[in-house]
C-alpha atoms as a PDB file:
ATOM      1  CA  MET A   1      80.040 100.647 111.563  1.00  0.00           C
ATOM      2  CA  ILE A   2      80.279  96.874 111.181  1.00  0.00           C
ATOM      3  CA  VAL A   3      80.502  97.219 107.378  1.00  0.00           C
ATOM      4  CA  ILE A   4      83.394  99.657 107.795  1.00  0.00           C
ATOM      5  CA  LEU A   5      85.223  97.253 110.109  1.00  0.00           C
ATOM      6  CA  ILE A   6      84.674  94.350 107.702  1.00  0.00           C
ATOM      7  CA  CYS A   7      85.951  96.360 104.727  1.00  0.00           C
ATOM      8  CA  PHE A   8      89.016  97.467 106.682  1.00  0.00           C
ATOM      9  CA  ALA A   9      89.598  93.840 107.731  1.00  0.00           C
ATOM     10  CA  ILE A  10      89.450  92.687 104.102  1.00  0.00           C
ATOM     11  CA  ALA A  11      91.912  95.437 103.160  1.00  0.00           C
ATOM     12  CA  ALA A  12      94.159  94.286 106.013  1.00  0.00           C
ATOM     13  CA  VAL A  13      94.176  90.659 104.865  1.00  0.00           C
ATOM     14  CA  ILE A  14      95.060  91.731 101.330  1.00  0.00           C
ATOM     15  CA  GLY A  15      97.689  94.070 102.799  1.00  0.00           C
ATOM     16  CA  VAL A  16      99.355  91.214 104.694  1.00  0.00           C
ATOM     17  CA  THR A  17      99.831  89.303 101.450  1.00  0.00           C
ATOM     18  CA  MET A  18     101.333  92.410  99.881  1.00  0.00           C
ATOM     19  CA  ILE A  19     103.774  93.240 102.687  1.00  0.00           C
ATOM     20  CA  VAL A  20     105.050  89.654 102.635  1.00  0.00           C
ATOM     21  CA  GLN A  21     105.874  90.133  98.951  1.00  0.00           C
ATOM     22  CA  VAL A  22     107.551  93.485  99.669  1.00  0.00           C
ATOM     23  CA  PHE A  23     109.825  91.850 102.264  1.00  0.00           C
ATOM     24  CA  MET A  24     110.653  89.117  99.768  1.00  0.00           C
ATOM     25  CA  ASN A  25     111.804  91.934  97.424  1.00  0.00           C
ATOM     26  CA  LYS A  26     108.958  91.290  95.002  1.00  0.00           C
ATOM     27  CA  LYS A  27     106.434  93.791  93.733  1.00  0.00           C
ATOM     28  CA  PRO A  28     102.826  92.921  94.604  1.00  0.00           C
ATOM     29  CA  LEU A  29     100.518  92.256  91.681  1.00  0.00           C
ATOM     30  CA  LYS A  30      98.827  95.406  90.437  1.00  0.00           C
ATOM     31  CA  ALA A  31      95.348  93.886  90.711  1.00  0.00           C
ATOM     32  CA  VAL A  32      96.008  92.982  94.343  1.00  0.00           C
ATOM     33  CA  ALA A  33      97.300  96.485  95.096  1.00  0.00           C
ATOM     34  CA  ILE A  34      94.260  98.067  93.439  1.00  0.00           C
ATOM     35  CA  SER A  35      91.795  95.862  95.319  1.00  0.00           C
ATOM     36  CA  HIS A  36      93.587  96.614  98.611  1.00  0.00           C
ATOM     37  CA  GLY A  37      93.416 100.332  97.913  1.00  0.00           C
ATOM     38  CA  MET A  38      89.765 100.217  96.902  1.00  0.00           C
ATOM     39  CA  PHE A  39      88.699  98.406 100.071  1.00  0.00           C
ATOM     40  CA  ALA A  40      90.782 100.737 102.236  1.00  0.00           C
ATOM     41  CA  ALA A  41      89.634 103.931 100.475  1.00  0.00           C
ATOM     42  CA  THR A  42      85.986 102.885 100.584  1.00  0.00           C
ATOM     43  CA  SER A  43      86.297 102.119 104.281  1.00  0.00           C
ATOM     44  CA  LEU A  44      87.981 105.449 105.017  1.00  0.00           C
ATOM     45  CA  ILE A  45      85.312 107.391 103.121  1.00  0.00           C
ATOM     46  CA  LEU A  46      82.548 105.523 104.962  1.00  0.00           C
ATOM     47  CA  LEU A  47      84.313 106.171 108.275  1.00  0.00           C
ATOM     48  CA  LEU A  48      84.553 109.895 107.518  1.00  0.00           C
ATOM     49  CA  LEU A  49      80.855 109.960 106.597  1.00  0.00           C
ATOM     50  CA  GLU A  50      79.960 108.180 109.840  1.00  0.00           C
ATOM     51  CA  SER A  51      82.014 110.704 111.758  1.00  0.00           C
ATOM     52  CA  LEU A  52      80.263 113.611 110.009  1.00  0.00           C
ATOM     53  CA  LYS A  53      76.870 112.100 110.874  1.00  0.00           C
ATOM     54  CA  GLY A  54      77.820 112.301 114.533  1.00  0.00           C
ATOM     55  CA  GLN A  55      78.578 108.637 115.106  1.00  0.00           C
ATOM     56  CA  GLU A  56      81.178 107.984 117.762  1.00  0.00           C
ATOM     57  CA  THR A  57      84.507 107.387 116.067  1.00  0.00           C
ATOM     58  CA  SER A  58      88.066 107.814 117.214  1.00  0.00           C
ATOM     59  CA  ILE A  59      89.660 110.950 115.763  1.00  0.00           C
ATOM     60  CA  VAL A  60      93.082 109.398 116.359  1.00  0.00           C
ATOM     61  CA  SER A  61      91.985 106.398 114.325  1.00  0.00           C
ATOM     62  CA  ILE A  62      90.883 108.642 111.460  1.00  0.00           C
ATOM     63  CA  ILE A  63      94.182 110.558 111.518  1.00  0.00           C
ATOM     64  CA  LEU A  64      96.185 107.316 111.503  1.00  0.00           C
ATOM     65  CA  PHE A  65      94.111 105.938 108.620  1.00  0.00           C
ATOM     66  CA  ILE A  66      94.803 109.144 106.683  1.00  0.00           C
ATOM     67  CA  ILE A  67      98.544 108.757 107.356  1.00  0.00           C
ATOM     68  CA  ALA A  68      98.325 105.147 106.170  1.00  0.00           C
ATOM     69  CA  ALA A  69      96.414 106.268 103.074  1.00  0.00           C
ATOM     70  CA  LEU A  70      99.043 108.874 102.215  1.00  0.00           C
ATOM     71  CA  ALA A  71     101.834 106.317 102.555  1.00  0.00           C
ATOM     72  CA  GLY A  72      99.809 103.899 100.429  1.00  0.00           C
ATOM     73  CA  LEU A  73      99.251 106.537  97.760  1.00  0.00           C
ATOM     74  CA  PHE A  74     102.984 107.250  97.714  1.00  0.00           C
ATOM     75  CA  MET A  75     103.785 103.564  97.158  1.00  0.00           C
ATOM     76  CA  PHE A  76     101.008 103.224  94.564  1.00  0.00           C
ATOM     77  CA  TYR A  77     102.220 106.262  92.630  1.00  0.00           C
ATOM     78  CA  ARG A  78     105.831 105.132  92.814  1.00  0.00           C
ATOM     79  CA  ASP A  79     104.944 101.638  91.619  1.00  0.00           C
ATOM     80  CA  PHE A  80     102.433 102.545  88.902  1.00  0.00           C
ATOM     81  CA  PHE A  81     103.399 105.953  87.541  1.00  0.00           C
ATOM     82  CA  ALA A  82     107.143 106.296  88.031  1.00  0.00           C
ATOM     83  CA  THR A  83     108.924 107.155  84.789  1.00  0.00           C
ATOM     84  CA  ASN A  84     112.459 107.066  86.139  1.00  0.00           C
ATOM     85  CA  ARG A  85     114.141 103.764  85.195  1.00  0.00           C
ATOM     86  CA  GLU A  86     115.800 103.548  88.577  1.00  0.00           C
ATOM     87  CA  LEU A  87     112.432 103.761  90.343  1.00  0.00           C
ATOM     88  CA  LEU A  88     110.810 101.294  87.976  1.00  0.00           C
ATOM     89  CA  SER A  89     113.437  98.645  88.631  1.00  0.00           C
ATOM     90  CA  SER A  90     113.654  99.142  92.401  1.00  0.00           C
ATOM     91  CA  SER A  91     111.445  97.537  94.991  1.00  0.00           C
ATOM     92  CA  ILE A  92     108.948  99.324  97.222  1.00  0.00           C
ATOM     93  CA  PRO A  93     110.725 101.116 100.098  1.00  0.00           C
ATOM     94  CA  LYS A  94     110.364  98.943 103.180  1.00  0.00           C
ATOM     95  CA  PRO A  95     110.275 101.852 105.700  1.00  0.00           C
ATOM     96  CA  VAL A  96     107.269 103.352 103.909  1.00  0.00           C
ATOM     97  CA  ALA A  97     105.556  99.944 103.859  1.00  0.00           C
ATOM     98  CA  ILE A  98     106.199  99.580 107.612  1.00  0.00           C
ATOM     99  CA  ILE A  99     104.783 103.058 108.345  1.00  0.00           C
ATOM    100  CA  HIS A 100     101.761 102.292 106.158  1.00  0.00           C
ATOM    101  CA  ALA A 101     101.062  98.966 107.826  1.00  0.00           C
ATOM    102  CA  GLY A 102     101.800 100.175 111.357  1.00  0.00           C
ATOM    103  CA  ALA A 103      99.515 103.210 111.062  1.00  0.00           C
ATOM    104  CA  ALA A 104      96.724 101.116 109.529  1.00  0.00           C
ATOM    105  CA  VAL A 105      96.910  98.331 112.125  1.00  0.00           C
ATOM    106  CA  THR A 106      97.003 100.804 115.014  1.00  0.00           C
ATOM    107  CA  ALA A 107      94.088 102.754 113.534  1.00  0.00           C
ATOM    108  CA  PHE A 108      92.067  99.562 113.050  1.00  0.00           C
ATOM    109  CA  ILE A 109      92.643  98.454 116.644  1.00  0.00           C
ATOM    110  CA  LEU A 110      91.625 101.898 117.952  1.00  0.00           C
ATOM    111  CA  LEU A 111      88.511 101.872 115.781  1.00  0.00           C
ATOM    112  CA  LEU A 112      87.607  98.377 116.955  1.00  0.00           C
ATOM    113  CA  VAL A 113      88.089  99.342 120.623  1.00  0.00           C
ATOM    114  CA  THR A 114      85.933 102.448 120.093  1.00  0.00           C
ATOM    115  CA  TYR A 115      83.228 100.352 118.441  1.00  0.00           C
ATOM    116  CA  LEU A 116      83.242  97.696 121.157  1.00  0.00           C
ATOM    117  CA  ALA A 117      83.233 100.233 124.021  1.00  0.00           C
END
């Protein structure tokens, strides 16, 4: 479980740098976004595997991480694969970024509390 927490923490640190750029109306670098997503996705997969093995995990935490992942996938798709000129020139929607970050932070805190209990 400690590896999962560390990977999520790394994803969170990268995510903080990205959300700062979003609120400055800049698009995060693609390499940064990919590394953030890879750490987060790896952590979520490991967390799901731990849960399937019977390890004590918070189901609420898993659900919130899935919500965060879906919001992240939406932003990733919109940023990387959008073909509409209007979407390509616009910045990442701040409400989606807030939902993504809020769900992920809440899920991480719940997971940490579950691990420490």
